[in-house]
Amino acid sequence: MATDLRKYTVQEAVNIGAHGALASVLTADGTVKSTGGTVYSVMASLNGVQVGDKVEIKDNTTVKLSFVATATAQSWMFDPSVGVNFDHSIVVDVSMSGGGAKEATVTTVYL
């Protein structure tokens, strides 16, 4: 299997090919892509959560990226120099505990 070592910025990924990269915005658990793909960027935020709550980006059931809250309001930006390969699917799993209003937003740029 050949390895693609090209590096793309998020904007370059969006402009790749005829269709370019796609962006998914989820506010709860969900499937970004039901087949394999490449993740170029993840922007996630949690609000009104408990320390230890998390956002995980999974390849089917295998955790590839994990963001864990260290405060009741937390934001993360993951923008690797090379996209992260997912063999089976790209899935967002949001874990929020405690009472009160909670908010999550997870934006994933992928091909």
Protein backbone atom coordinates (compact mmCIF):
# COMPACT_ATOMS: atom_id res chain seq x y z
CA MET A 1 0.00 0.00 0.00
CA ALA A 2 1.43 3.34 -1.02
CA THR A 3 1.67 6.11 1.54
CA ASP A 4 0.59 9.60 0.54
CA LEU A 5 2.95 11.99 2.33
CA ARG A 6 1.60 15.20 0.83
CA LYS A 7 0.70 17.85 3.39
CA TYR A 8 -2.39 20.01 2.99
CA THR A 9 -3.66 23.00 4.87
CA VAL A 10 -7.37 22.91 5.67
CA GLN A 11 -8.00 25.32 2.77
CA GLU A 12 -5.98 23.15 0.37
CA ALA A 13 -7.94 20.07 1.47
CA VAL A 14 -11.20 21.91 0.78
CA ASN A 15 -9.96 22.69 -2.75
CA ILE A 16 -8.72 19.15 -3.61
CA GLY A 17 -10.24 17.60 -6.73
CA ALA A 18 -13.55 18.41 -8.31
CA HIS A 19 -15.51 18.22 -5.07
CA GLY A 20 -12.89 19.09 -2.45
CA ALA A 21 -13.05 18.22 1.23
CA LEU A 22 -16.30 18.25 3.13
CA ALA A 23 -17.20 19.69 6.51
CA SER A 24 -19.52 18.10 9.05
CA VAL A 25 -20.98 19.97 12.03
CA LEU A 26 -22.47 17.77 14.75
CA THR A 27 -23.95 18.77 18.12
CA ALA A 28 -24.20 15.19 19.43
CA ASP A 29 -22.99 11.68 18.62
CA GLY A 30 -23.06 10.91 14.93
CA THR A 31 -21.38 9.47 11.86
CA VAL A 32 -19.37 11.92 9.79
CA LYS A 33 -18.66 9.35 7.06
CA SER A 34 -19.79 5.72 6.94
CA THR A 35 -16.75 4.58 4.94
CA GLY A 36 -13.01 5.20 5.37
CA GLY A 37 -11.56 8.65 4.80
CA THR A 38 -9.05 11.24 5.92
CA VAL A 39 -9.59 13.86 8.63
CA TYR A 40 -7.80 17.17 8.01
CA SER A 41 -9.13 19.23 10.90
CA VAL A 42 -11.35 19.00 13.98
CA MET A 43 -12.75 21.96 15.89
CA ALA A 44 -14.64 20.97 19.04
CA SER A 45 -16.19 22.85 21.92
CA LEU A 46 -18.10 21.80 25.03
CA ASN A 47 -19.98 24.14 27.34
CA GLY A 48 -21.69 23.45 30.67
CA VAL A 49 -19.93 20.11 31.04
CA GLN A 50 -17.98 18.44 33.84
CA VAL A 51 -14.22 17.95 34.01
CA GLY A 52 -13.49 14.63 32.29
CA ASP A 53 -16.28 14.89 29.72
CA LYS A 54 -14.93 14.29 26.24
CA VAL A 55 -15.22 14.30 22.50
CA GLU A 56 -13.80 11.28 20.69
CA ILE A 57 -13.30 10.83 16.97
CA LYS A 58 -13.38 7.13 16.17
CA ASP A 59 -12.55 4.84 13.27
CA ASN A 60 -15.63 2.65 13.70
CA THR A 61 -15.11 1.81 17.42
CA THR A 62 -11.37 2.55 17.68
CA VAL A 63 -10.58 5.95 19.24
CA LYS A 64 -8.22 7.92 16.98
CA LEU A 65 -8.59 11.38 18.58
CA SER A 66 -9.71 12.27 22.10
CA PHE A 67 -10.35 15.70 23.64
CA VAL A 68 -10.97 15.71 27.41
CA ALA A 69 -12.46 18.68 29.27
CA THR A 70 -10.37 20.18 32.07
CA ALA A 71 -12.98 22.90 32.73
CA THR A 72 -16.74 23.40 32.35
CA ALA A 73 -16.20 25.23 29.05
CA GLN A 74 -13.53 23.95 26.70
CA SER A 75 -12.54 24.34 23.04
CA TRP A 76 -9.98 22.48 20.95
CA MET A 77 -8.52 22.89 17.46
CA PHE A 78 -6.78 19.91 15.88
CA ASP A 79 -5.08 20.83 12.61
CA PRO A 80 -2.37 18.24 11.83
CA SER A 81 0.27 18.81 9.14
CA VAL A 82 -0.81 15.50 7.54
CA GLY A 83 -4.40 14.20 7.50
CA VAL A 84 -5.34 11.33 9.82
CA ASN A 85 -6.45 8.18 7.96
CA PHE A 86 -9.62 6.34 9.01
CA ASP A 87 -10.01 2.85 7.50
CA HIS A 88 -13.67 2.05 8.26
CA SER A 89 -15.70 5.14 9.19
CA ILE A 90 -15.43 8.55 10.87
CA VAL A 91 -17.60 8.71 13.99
CA VAL A 92 -18.04 11.44 16.62
CA ASP A 93 -18.77 10.33 20.20
CA VAL A 94 -19.62 13.10 22.69
CA SER A 95 -19.76 12.26 26.42
CA MET A 96 -21.33 14.93 28.64
CA SER A 97 -22.35 14.37 32.26
CA GLY A 98 -23.96 16.34 35.06
CA GLY A 99 -27.12 18.39 35.22
CA GLY A 100 -28.03 21.62 33.55
CA ALA A 101 -27.75 22.85 30.00
CA LYS A 102 -24.89 21.37 28.00
CA GLU A 103 -23.71 22.24 24.52
CA ALA A 104 -21.36 20.51 22.10
CA THR A 105 -20.23 21.48 18.62
CA VAL A 106 -17.83 19.33 16.61
CA THR A 107 -16.75 20.44 13.15
CA THR A 108 -14.77 17.91 11.12
CA VAL A 109 -13.07 18.63 7.78
CA TYR A 110 -12.58 15.38 5.89
CA LEU A 111 -12.36 13.59 2.56
